[in-house]
Amino acid sequence: MDVQRRFTEHSSNGPRAAKALRGKGPLKLEYQIGVPGKSAALKLEMTIKKWPKQKKEALIAGTLPPMVLFKEGEQEIGN
């Protein structure tokens, strides 16, 4: 996926921007990780969105091991 293109779309407040992000600028990309495909990316995104704020901040700060990310999401991400 082209992360930079998607981020620019969301930042533009145009028709392809997520409705939840419109008017919330300026936006900043805090974390990015490679996953095997679009389906896995969407499932992982939903898993992270359900986390409490403190856990998300630990992920961004690098104090949460990346393997935790996959262990918690593997039920949903599994092929």
PDB file of N, CA and C in Angstrom:
ATOM      1  N   MET A   1       0.833  -1.177   0.000  1.00  0.00           N
ATOM      2  CA  MET A   1       0.000   0.000   0.000  1.00  0.00           C
ATOM      3  C   MET A   1       0.884   1.248   0.000  1.00  0.00           C
ATOM      4  N   ASP A   2       0.382   2.235  -0.585  1.00  0.00           N
ATOM      5  CA  ASP A   2       1.096   3.499  -0.647  1.00  0.00           C
ATOM      6  C   ASP A   2       0.663   4.365   0.535  1.00  0.00           C
ATOM      7  N   VAL A   3       1.414   4.261   1.628  1.00  0.00           N
ATOM      8  CA  VAL A   3       1.067   4.947   2.863  1.00  0.00           C
ATOM      9  C   VAL A   3       1.064   6.456   2.675  1.00  0.00           C
ATOM     10  N   GLN A   4       2.049   6.976   1.980  1.00  0.00           N
ATOM     11  CA  GLN A   4       2.133   8.425   1.788  1.00  0.00           C
ATOM     12  C   GLN A   4       0.928   8.951   1.014  1.00  0.00           C
ATOM     13  N   ARG A   5       0.495   8.230  -0.011  1.00  0.00           N
ATOM     14  CA  ARG A   5      -0.672   8.652  -0.799  1.00  0.00           C
ATOM     15  C   ARG A   5      -1.926   8.664   0.080  1.00  0.00           C
ATOM     16  N   ARG A   6      -2.122   7.607   0.867  1.00  0.00           N
ATOM     17  CA  ARG A   6      -3.309   7.527   1.733  1.00  0.00           C
ATOM     18  C   ARG A   6      -3.288   8.616   2.796  1.00  0.00           C
ATOM     19  N   PHE A   7      -2.112   8.872   3.358  1.00  0.00           N
ATOM     20  CA  PHE A   7      -2.005   9.912   4.378  1.00  0.00           C
ATOM     21  C   PHE A   7      -2.343  11.276   3.776  1.00  0.00           C
ATOM     22  N   THR A   8      -1.865  11.531   2.573  1.00  0.00           N
ATOM     23  CA  THR A   8      -2.157  12.793   1.887  1.00  0.00           C
ATOM     24  C   THR A   8      -3.661  12.917   1.628  1.00  0.00           C
ATOM     25  N   GLU A   9      -4.322  11.828   1.226  1.00  0.00           N
ATOM     26  CA  GLU A   9      -5.763  11.845   1.008  1.00  0.00           C
ATOM     27  C   GLU A   9      -6.507  12.209   2.289  1.00  0.00           C
ATOM     28  N   HIS A  10      -6.114  11.589   3.394  1.00  0.00           N
ATOM     29  CA  HIS A  10      -6.777  11.871   4.667  1.00  0.00           C
ATOM     30  C   HIS A  10      -6.526  13.310   5.119  1.00  0.00           C
ATOM     31  N   SER A  11      -5.340  13.811   4.864  1.00  0.00           N
ATOM     32  CA  SER A  11      -4.988  15.171   5.280  1.00  0.00           C
ATOM     33  C   SER A  11      -5.691  16.238   4.441  1.00  0.00           C
ATOM     34  N   SER A  12      -6.085  15.874   3.228  1.00  0.00           N
ATOM     35  CA  SER A  12      -6.661  16.845   2.299  1.00  0.00           C
ATOM     36  C   SER A  12      -8.108  17.215   2.611  1.00  0.00           C
ATOM     37  N   ASN A  13      -8.775  16.429   3.447  1.00  0.00           N
ATOM     38  CA  ASN A  13     -10.199  16.620   3.750  1.00  0.00           C
ATOM     39  C   ASN A  13     -11.073  16.489   2.508  1.00  0.00           C
ATOM     40  N   GLY A  14     -10.584  15.811   1.495  1.00  0.00           N
ATOM     41  CA  GLY A  14     -11.344  15.609   0.267  1.00  0.00           C
ATOM     42  C   GLY A  14     -12.324  14.464   0.383  1.00  0.00           C
ATOM     43  N   PRO A  15     -12.939  14.075  -0.735  1.00  0.00           N
ATOM     44  CA  PRO A  15     -13.961  13.026  -0.715  1.00  0.00           C
ATOM     45  C   PRO A  15     -13.421  11.644  -0.325  1.00  0.00           C
ATOM     46  N   ARG A  16     -12.123  11.409  -0.483  1.00  0.00           N
ATOM     47  CA  ARG A  16     -11.557  10.104  -0.134  1.00  0.00           C
ATOM     48  C   ARG A  16     -11.019  10.077   1.294  1.00  0.00           C
ATOM     49  N   ALA A  17     -11.118  11.186   2.003  1.00  0.00           N
ATOM     50  CA  ALA A  17     -10.652  11.253   3.386  1.00  0.00           C
ATOM     51  C   ALA A  17     -11.672  10.581   4.299  1.00  0.00           C
ATOM     52  N   ALA A  18     -11.183   9.954   5.355  1.00  0.00           N
ATOM     53  CA  ALA A  18     -12.080   9.339   6.327  1.00  0.00           C
ATOM     54  C   ALA A  18     -12.932  10.431   6.979  1.00  0.00           C
ATOM     55  N   LYS A  19     -14.220  10.194   7.079  1.00  0.00           N
ATOM     56  CA  LYS A  19     -15.125  11.198   7.648  1.00  0.00           C
ATOM     57  C   LYS A  19     -14.723  11.555   9.072  1.00  0.00           C
ATOM     58  N   ALA A  20     -14.239  10.569   9.827  1.00  0.00           N
ATOM     59  CA  ALA A  20     -13.854  10.804  11.224  1.00  0.00           C
ATOM     60  C   ALA A  20     -12.655  11.737  11.339  1.00  0.00           C
ATOM     61  N   LEU A  21     -11.864  11.856  10.258  1.00  0.00           N
ATOM     62  CA  LEU A  21     -10.655  12.686  10.306  1.00  0.00           C
ATOM     63  C   LEU A  21     -10.863  14.076   9.703  1.00  0.00           C
ATOM     64  N   ARG A  22     -11.998  14.309   9.080  1.00  0.00           N
ATOM     65  CA  ARG A  22     -12.236  15.612   8.452  1.00  0.00           C
ATOM     66  C   ARG A  22     -12.275  16.709   9.506  1.00  0.00           C
ATOM     67  N   GLY A  23     -11.506  17.747   9.270  1.00  0.00           N
ATOM     68  CA  GLY A  23     -11.459  18.872  10.186  1.00  0.00           C
ATOM     69  C   GLY A  23     -10.629  18.623  11.438  1.00  0.00           C
ATOM     70  N   LYS A  24      -9.923  17.516  11.502  1.00  0.00           N
ATOM     71  CA  LYS A  24      -9.134  17.175  12.683  1.00  0.00           C
ATOM     72  C   LYS A  24      -7.667  17.557  12.541  1.00  0.00           C
ATOM     73  N   GLY A  25      -7.295  18.167  11.404  1.00  0.00           N
ATOM     74  CA  GLY A  25      -5.901  18.438  11.114  1.00  0.00           C
ATOM     75  C   GLY A  25      -5.265  19.409  12.075  1.00  0.00           C
ATOM     76  N   PRO A  26      -3.962  19.579  12.027  1.00  0.00           N
ATOM     77  CA  PRO A  26      -3.077  18.834  11.135  1.00  0.00           C
ATOM     78  C   PRO A  26      -2.845  17.411  11.646  1.00  0.00           C
ATOM     79  N   LEU A  27      -2.806  16.477  10.721  1.00  0.00           N
ATOM     80  CA  LEU A  27      -2.607  15.075  11.062  1.00  0.00           C
ATOM     81  C   LEU A  27      -1.125  14.745  11.080  1.00  0.00           C
ATOM     82  N   LYS A  28      -0.772  13.732  11.861  1.00  0.00           N
ATOM     83  CA  LYS A  28       0.616  13.286  11.949  1.00  0.00           C
ATOM     84  C   LYS A  28       0.622  11.767  11.975  1.00  0.00           C
ATOM     85  N   LEU A  29       1.394  11.145  11.085  1.00  0.00           N
ATOM     86  CA  LEU A  29       1.519   9.696  11.056  1.00  0.00           C
ATOM     87  C   LEU A  29       2.437   9.279  12.202  1.00  0.00           C
ATOM     88  N   GLU A  30       1.905   8.556  13.173  1.00  0.00           N
ATOM     89  CA  GLU A  30       2.650   8.201  14.375  1.00  0.00           C
ATOM     90  C   GLU A  30       3.313   6.831  14.297  1.00  0.00           C
ATOM     91  N   TYR A  31       2.711   5.890  13.572  1.00  0.00           N
ATOM     92  CA  TYR A  31       3.234   4.521  13.575  1.00  0.00           C
ATOM     93  C   TYR A  31       2.860   3.843  12.273  1.00  0.00           C
ATOM     94  N   GLN A  32       3.765   3.027  11.793  1.00  0.00           N
ATOM     95  CA  GLN A  32       3.501   2.268  10.568  1.00  0.00           C
ATOM     96  C   GLN A  32       4.280   0.962  10.641  1.00  0.00           C
ATOM     97  N   ILE A  33       3.663  -0.105  10.162  1.00  0.00           N
ATOM     98  CA  ILE A  33       4.299  -1.424  10.148  1.00  0.00           C
ATOM     99  C   ILE A  33       3.806  -2.170   8.919  1.00  0.00           C
ATOM    100  N   GLY A  34       4.656  -2.968   8.332  1.00  0.00           N
ATOM    101  CA  GLY A  34       4.284  -3.740   7.159  1.00  0.00           C
ATOM    102  C   GLY A  34       3.498  -4.985   7.531  1.00  0.00           C
ATOM    103  N   VAL A  35       2.463  -5.281   6.774  1.00  0.00           N
ATOM    104  CA  VAL A  35       1.662  -6.494   6.953  1.00  0.00           C
ATOM    105  C   VAL A  35       1.475  -7.139   5.585  1.00  0.00           C
ATOM    106  N   PRO A  36       1.110  -8.435   5.543  1.00  0.00           N
ATOM    107  CA  PRO A  36       1.075  -9.164   4.270  1.00  0.00           C
ATOM    108  C   PRO A  36       0.020  -8.741   3.255  1.00  0.00           C
ATOM    109  N   GLY A  37      -0.972  -7.977   3.616  1.00  0.00           N
ATOM    110  CA  GLY A  37      -1.983  -7.588   2.636  1.00  0.00           C
ATOM    111  C   GLY A  37      -2.996  -6.617   3.205  1.00  0.00           C
ATOM    112  N   LYS A  38      -3.917  -6.177   2.360  1.00  0.00           N
ATOM    113  CA  LYS A  38      -4.912  -5.186   2.763  1.00  0.00           C
ATOM    114  C   LYS A  38      -5.835  -5.734   3.857  1.00  0.00           C
ATOM    115  N   SER A  39      -6.264  -6.962   3.706  1.00  0.00           N
ATOM    116  CA  SER A  39      -7.155  -7.569   4.695  1.00  0.00           C
ATOM    117  C   SER A  39      -6.486  -7.614   6.068  1.00  0.00           C
ATOM    118  N   ALA A  40      -5.235  -8.055   6.103  1.00  0.00           N
ATOM    119  CA  ALA A  40      -4.497  -8.114   7.363  1.00  0.00           C
ATOM    120  C   ALA A  40      -4.315  -6.719   7.956  1.00  0.00           C
ATOM    121  N   ALA A  41      -4.070  -5.742   7.100  1.00  0.00           N
ATOM    122  CA  ALA A  41      -3.885  -4.364   7.564  1.00  0.00           C
ATOM    123  C   ALA A  41      -5.163  -3.830   8.208  1.00  0.00           C
ATOM    124  N   LEU A  42      -6.300  -4.077   7.572  1.00  0.00           N
ATOM    125  CA  LEU A  42      -7.573  -3.600   8.117  1.00  0.00           C
ATOM    126  C   LEU A  42      -7.902  -4.287   9.439  1.00  0.00           C
ATOM    127  N   LYS A  43      -7.634  -5.582   9.516  1.00  0.00           N
ATOM    128  CA  LYS A  43      -7.895  -6.320  10.764  1.00  0.00           C
ATOM    129  C   LYS A  43      -6.993  -5.838  11.888  1.00  0.00           C
ATOM    130  N   LEU A  44      -5.728  -5.594  11.568  1.00  0.00           N
ATOM    131  CA  LEU A  44      -4.791  -5.101  12.568  1.00  0.00           C
ATOM    132  C   LEU A  44      -5.187  -3.703  13.028  1.00  0.00           C
ATOM    133  N   GLU A  45      -5.617  -2.872  12.090  1.00  0.00           N
ATOM    134  CA  GLU A  45      -6.069  -1.523  12.433  1.00  0.00           C
ATOM    135  C   GLU A  45      -7.247  -1.583  13.406  1.00  0.00           C
ATOM    136  N   MET A  46      -8.195  -2.459  13.158  1.00  0.00           N
ATOM    137  CA  MET A  46      -9.350  -2.585  14.050  1.00  0.00           C
ATOM    138  C   MET A  46      -8.936  -3.096  15.427  1.00  0.00           C
ATOM    139  N   THR A  47      -7.974  -3.992  15.477  1.00  0.00           N
ATOM    140  CA  THR A  47      -7.470  -4.501  16.758  1.00  0.00           C
ATOM    141  C   THR A  47      -6.860  -3.366  17.562  1.00  0.00           C
ATOM    142  N   ILE A  48      -6.016  -2.565  16.914  1.00  0.00           N
ATOM    143  CA  ILE A  48      -5.347  -1.455  17.604  1.00  0.00           C
ATOM    144  C   ILE A  48      -6.360  -0.404  18.048  1.00  0.00           C
ATOM    145  N   LYS A  49      -7.359  -0.137  17.231  1.00  0.00           N
ATOM    146  CA  LYS A  49      -8.370   0.862  17.593  1.00  0.00           C
ATOM    147  C   LYS A  49      -9.122   0.473  18.868  1.00  0.00           C
ATOM    148  N   LYS A  50      -9.214  -0.819  19.157  1.00  0.00           N
ATOM    149  CA  LYS A  50      -9.916  -1.290  20.354  1.00  0.00           C
ATOM    150  C   LYS A  50      -9.055  -1.188  21.618  1.00  0.00           C
ATOM    151  N   TRP A  51      -7.757  -0.979  21.440  1.00  0.00           N
ATOM    152  CA  TRP A  51      -6.851  -0.880  22.592  1.00  0.00           C
ATOM    153  C   TRP A  51      -7.116   0.391  23.378  1.00  0.00           C
ATOM    154  N   PRO A  52      -6.806   0.374  24.689  1.00  0.00           N
ATOM    155  CA  PRO A  52      -6.876   1.619  25.459  1.00  0.00           C
ATOM    156  C   PRO A  52      -5.775   2.583  25.019  1.00  0.00           C
ATOM    157  N   LYS A  53      -5.968   3.856  25.267  1.00  0.00           N
ATOM    158  CA  LYS A  53      -5.031   4.892  24.839  1.00  0.00           C
ATOM    159  C   LYS A  53      -3.618   4.619  25.345  1.00  0.00           C
ATOM    160  N   GLN A  54      -3.476   4.162  26.586  1.00  0.00           N
ATOM    161  CA  GLN A  54      -2.162   3.916  27.179  1.00  0.00           C
ATOM    162  C   GLN A  54      -1.384   2.854  26.382  1.00  0.00           C
ATOM    163  N   LYS A  55      -2.066   1.821  25.934  1.00  0.00           N
ATOM    164  CA  LYS A  55      -1.403   0.763  25.172  1.00  0.00           C
ATOM    165  C   LYS A  55      -0.987   1.272  23.787  1.00  0.00           C
ATOM    166  N   LYS A  56      -1.824   2.100  23.170  1.00  0.00           N
ATOM    167  CA  LYS A  56      -1.482   2.687  21.869  1.00  0.00           C
ATOM    168  C   LYS A  56      -0.250   3.585  21.997  1.00  0.00           C
ATOM    169  N   GLU A  57      -0.216   4.368  23.069  1.00  0.00           N
ATOM    170  CA  GLU A  57       0.932   5.250  23.286  1.00  0.00           C
ATOM    171  C   GLU A  57       2.209   4.453  23.530  1.00  0.00           C
ATOM    172  N   ALA A  58       2.107   3.294  24.204  1.00  0.00           N
ATOM    173  CA  ALA A  58       3.271   2.433  24.421  1.00  0.00           C
ATOM    174  C   ALA A  58       3.776   1.877  23.088  1.00  0.00           C
ATOM    175  N   LEU A  59       2.865   1.536  22.195  1.00  0.00           N
ATOM    176  CA  LEU A  59       3.249   1.052  20.865  1.00  0.00           C
ATOM    177  C   LEU A  59       4.011   2.127  20.107  1.00  0.00           C
ATOM    178  N   ILE A  60       3.495   3.347  20.123  1.00  0.00           N
ATOM    179  CA  ILE A  60       4.130   4.463  19.425  1.00  0.00           C
ATOM    180  C   ILE A  60       5.499   4.779  20.029  1.00  0.00           C
ATOM    181  N   ALA A  61       5.593   4.722  21.368  1.00  0.00           N
ATOM    182  CA  ALA A  61       6.843   5.042  22.063  1.00  0.00           C
ATOM    183  C   ALA A  61       7.890   3.947  21.898  1.00  0.00           C
ATOM    184  N   GLY A  62       7.460   2.770  21.449  1.00  0.00           N
ATOM    185  CA  GLY A  62       8.403   1.672  21.259  1.00  0.00           C
ATOM    186  C   GLY A  62       8.627   0.847  22.515  1.00  0.00           C
ATOM    187  N   THR A  63       7.808   1.052  23.550  1.00  0.00           N
ATOM    188  CA  THR A  63       7.958   0.282  24.779  1.00  0.00           C
ATOM    189  C   THR A  63       7.102  -0.971  24.782  1.00  0.00           C
ATOM    190  N   LEU A  64       6.282  -1.132  23.775  1.00  0.00           N
ATOM    191  CA  LEU A  64       5.469  -2.334  23.609  1.00  0.00           C
ATOM    192  C   LEU A  64       6.140  -3.184  22.536  1.00  0.00           C
ATOM    193  N   PRO A  65       6.539  -4.409  22.851  1.00  0.00           N
ATOM    194  CA  PRO A  65       7.206  -5.242  21.837  1.00  0.00           C
ATOM    195  C   PRO A  65       6.293  -5.477  20.629  1.00  0.00           C
ATOM    196  N   PRO A  66       6.829  -5.368  19.404  1.00  0.00           N
ATOM    197  CA  PRO A  66       6.008  -5.560  18.201  1.00  0.00           C
ATOM    198  C   PRO A  66       5.324  -6.926  18.151  1.00  0.00           C
ATOM    199  N   MET A  67       5.908  -7.943  18.789  1.00  0.00           N
ATOM    200  CA  MET A  67       5.290  -9.266  18.758  1.00  0.00           C
ATOM    201  C   MET A  67       3.939  -9.261  19.464  1.00  0.00           C
ATOM    202  N   VAL A  68       3.764  -8.387  20.457  1.00  0.00           N
ATOM    203  CA  VAL A  68       2.471  -8.275  21.137  1.00  0.00           C
ATOM    204  C   VAL A  68       1.409  -7.884  20.120  1.00  0.00           C
ATOM    205  N   LEU A  69       1.783  -7.032  19.203  1.00  0.00           N
ATOM    206  CA  LEU A  69       0.877  -6.565  18.164  1.00  0.00           C
ATOM    207  C   LEU A  69       0.331  -7.743  17.365  1.00  0.00           C
ATOM    208  N   PHE A  70       1.206  -8.654  16.982  1.00  0.00           N
ATOM    209  CA  PHE A  70       0.779  -9.780  16.161  1.00  0.00           C
ATOM    210  C   PHE A  70       0.128 -10.879  16.984  1.00  0.00           C
ATOM    211  N   LYS A  71       0.585 -11.097  18.209  1.00  0.00           N
ATOM    212  CA  LYS A  71      -0.026 -12.132  19.049  1.00  0.00           C
ATOM    213  C   LYS A  71      -1.484 -11.812  19.347  1.00  0.00           C
ATOM    214  N   GLU A  72      -1.772 -10.549  19.646  1.00  0.00           N
ATOM    215  CA  GLU A  72      -3.147 -10.170  19.959  1.00  0.00           C
ATOM    216  C   GLU A  72      -4.023 -10.169  18.721  1.00  0.00           C
ATOM    217  N   GLY A  73      -3.467  -9.859  17.580  1.00  0.00           N
ATOM    218  CA  GLY A  73      -4.260  -9.771  16.370  1.00  0.00           C
ATOM    219  C   GLY A  73      -4.309 -11.054  15.558  1.00  0.00           C
ATOM    220  N   GLU A  74      -3.523 -12.086  15.969  1.00  0.00           N
ATOM    221  CA  GLU A  74      -3.409 -13.241  15.097  1.00  0.00           C
ATOM    222  C   GLU A  74      -4.708 -14.007  14.940  1.00  0.00           C
ATOM    223  N   GLN A  75      -5.619 -13.965  15.936  1.00  0.00           N
ATOM    224  CA  GLN A  75      -6.900 -14.639  15.770  1.00  0.00           C
ATOM    225  C   GLN A  75      -7.668 -13.988  14.628  1.00  0.00           C
ATOM    226  N   GLU A  76      -7.547 -12.673  14.517  1.00  0.00           N
ATOM    227  CA  GLU A  76      -8.282 -11.947  13.482  1.00  0.00           C
ATOM    228  C   GLU A  76      -7.511 -11.874  12.172  1.00  0.00           C
ATOM    229  N   ILE A  77      -6.173 -11.856  12.256  1.00  0.00           N
ATOM    230  CA  ILE A  77      -5.359 -11.682  11.053  1.00  0.00           C
ATOM    231  C   ILE A  77      -5.087 -13.011  10.348  1.00  0.00           C
ATOM    232  N   GLY A  78      -5.129 -14.106  11.079  1.00  0.00           N
ATOM    233  CA  GLY A  78      -4.761 -15.405  10.528  1.00  0.00           C
ATOM    234  C   GLY A  78      -5.412 -15.680   9.191  1.00  0.00           C
ATOM    235  N   ASN A  79      -4.646 -16.353   8.320  1.00  0.00           N
ATOM    236  CA  ASN A  79      -5.140 -16.623   6.951  1.00  0.00           C
ATOM    237  C   ASN A  79      -6.133 -17.734   6.921  1.00  0.00           C
TER     238      ASN A  79
END
